[in-house]
Amino acid sequence: MHPQQAEHGRAVLIDIDRERDYWRQHYVNMPRASQHRSFELYWPALSSAYDVYLNHPHTDQDTGSALYANSQAVRSRGLSLEEARAIYAEVWQRITR
């Protein structure tokens, strides 16, 4: 899944419905997934990682991870810094591969 970029790298497009479908099948191994009991309860933590990437497309993974770790979606779920970094790294890897 490569993000599509405009000619000058200004726009990043991600098919979020396709991403949601992907994660619906793969989220069970993510940090704290079993505690959320359903994908619908876990999706906000994943979609917040996409929000960081889309709103800050030129940041590196470490900066994006820090922004993600401080997001409301992460804080409201009680994820540790290590858990947040692991989630963001998985999403980042999927976006940038």
Protein backbone atom coordinates (compact mmCIF):
# COMPACT_ATOMS: atom_id res chain seq x y z
CA MET A 1 0.00 0.00 0.00
CA HIS A 2 1.89 3.03 -1.20
CA PRO A 3 0.44 6.44 -0.48
CA GLN A 4 -0.23 8.29 -3.69
CA GLN A 5 1.46 11.67 -3.92
CA ALA A 6 0.76 14.60 -6.19
CA GLU A 7 3.40 15.64 -8.69
CA HIS A 8 5.26 17.87 -6.22
CA GLY A 9 4.68 15.72 -3.16
CA ARG A 10 1.98 18.03 -1.80
CA ALA A 11 -0.93 15.64 -1.39
CA VAL A 12 -0.94 12.27 0.26
CA LEU A 13 -3.88 10.01 -0.47
CA ILE A 14 -4.67 6.90 1.51
CA ASP A 15 -7.68 4.66 0.94
CA ILE A 16 -8.75 4.61 4.57
CA ASP A 17 -11.57 2.13 3.89
CA ARG A 18 -9.03 -0.33 2.51
CA GLU A 19 -6.76 0.30 5.48
CA ARG A 20 -9.63 -0.25 7.88
CA ASP A 21 -10.41 -3.57 6.17
CA TYR A 22 -6.74 -4.58 6.41
CA TRP A 23 -6.51 -3.78 10.10
CA ARG A 24 -9.81 -5.49 10.85
CA GLN A 25 -8.04 -8.72 9.86
CA HIS A 26 -4.70 -7.94 11.52
CA TYR A 27 -5.27 -5.90 14.69
CA VAL A 28 -5.53 -8.86 17.07
CA ASN A 29 -1.75 -9.00 17.58
CA MET A 30 -1.42 -5.28 18.33
CA PRO A 31 -0.79 -3.93 21.86
CA ARG A 32 -3.88 -4.12 24.08
CA ALA A 33 -6.11 -5.36 21.25
CA SER A 34 -7.55 -8.11 23.43
CA GLN A 35 -8.62 -5.57 26.05
CA HIS A 36 -10.75 -3.65 23.56
CA ARG A 37 -12.82 -6.75 22.74
CA SER A 38 -13.73 -5.57 19.25
CA PHE A 39 -12.16 -3.96 16.25
CA GLU A 40 -14.59 -1.03 16.46
CA LEU A 41 -13.22 -0.13 19.87
CA TYR A 42 -9.61 -0.49 18.69
CA TRP A 43 -9.92 1.34 15.37
CA PRO A 44 -9.61 4.88 16.86
CA ALA A 45 -6.12 4.03 18.10
CA LEU A 46 -5.11 2.89 14.61
CA SER A 47 -6.85 5.67 12.70
CA SER A 48 -5.13 8.25 14.87
CA ALA A 49 -1.78 7.02 13.51
CA TYR A 50 -3.05 7.72 9.99
CA ASP A 51 -4.19 11.17 11.13
CA VAL A 52 -0.67 11.96 12.31
CA TYR A 53 0.84 10.74 9.04
CA LEU A 54 -1.64 12.67 6.89
CA ASN A 55 -1.38 15.88 8.91
CA HIS A 56 2.42 15.73 9.11
CA PRO A 57 3.49 13.90 5.93
CA HIS A 58 7.09 15.10 6.00
CA THR A 59 7.93 14.14 9.57
CA ASP A 60 10.16 11.19 10.26
CA GLN A 61 8.98 8.10 12.10
CA ASP A 62 10.33 9.21 15.48
CA THR A 63 8.60 12.60 15.33
CA GLY A 64 5.39 11.02 14.08
CA SER A 65 5.55 8.47 16.86
CA ALA A 66 5.90 11.22 19.47
CA LEU A 67 2.95 13.13 18.01
CA TYR A 68 0.92 9.93 18.00
CA ALA A 69 1.85 9.05 21.59
CA ASN A 70 0.52 12.45 22.70
CA SER A 71 -2.75 12.19 20.75
CA GLN A 72 -6.10 12.04 22.51
CA ALA A 73 -6.86 8.60 21.02
CA VAL A 74 -3.73 7.15 22.61
CA ARG A 75 -4.05 8.90 25.95
CA SER A 76 -7.73 8.00 26.33
CA ARG A 77 -6.92 4.31 25.82
CA GLY A 78 -4.20 4.27 28.45
CA LEU A 79 -1.54 3.01 26.07
CA SER A 80 2.01 3.15 27.37
CA LEU A 81 4.68 4.98 25.40
CA GLU A 82 6.09 1.64 24.25
CA GLU A 83 2.66 0.42 23.13
CA ALA A 84 2.01 3.66 21.25
CA ARG A 85 5.38 3.44 19.53
CA ALA A 86 4.69 -0.17 18.52
CA ILE A 87 1.30 0.70 17.03
CA TYR A 88 2.65 3.72 15.17
CA ALA A 89 5.59 1.70 13.85
CA GLU A 90 3.22 -0.94 12.43
CA VAL A 91 1.05 1.67 10.72
CA TRP A 92 4.12 3.61 9.49
CA GLN A 93 5.61 0.45 8.05
CA ARG A 94 2.37 -0.33 6.24
CA ILE A 95 2.08 3.19 4.82
CA THR A 96 5.70 3.53 3.70
CA ARG A 97 6.42 0.07 2.33
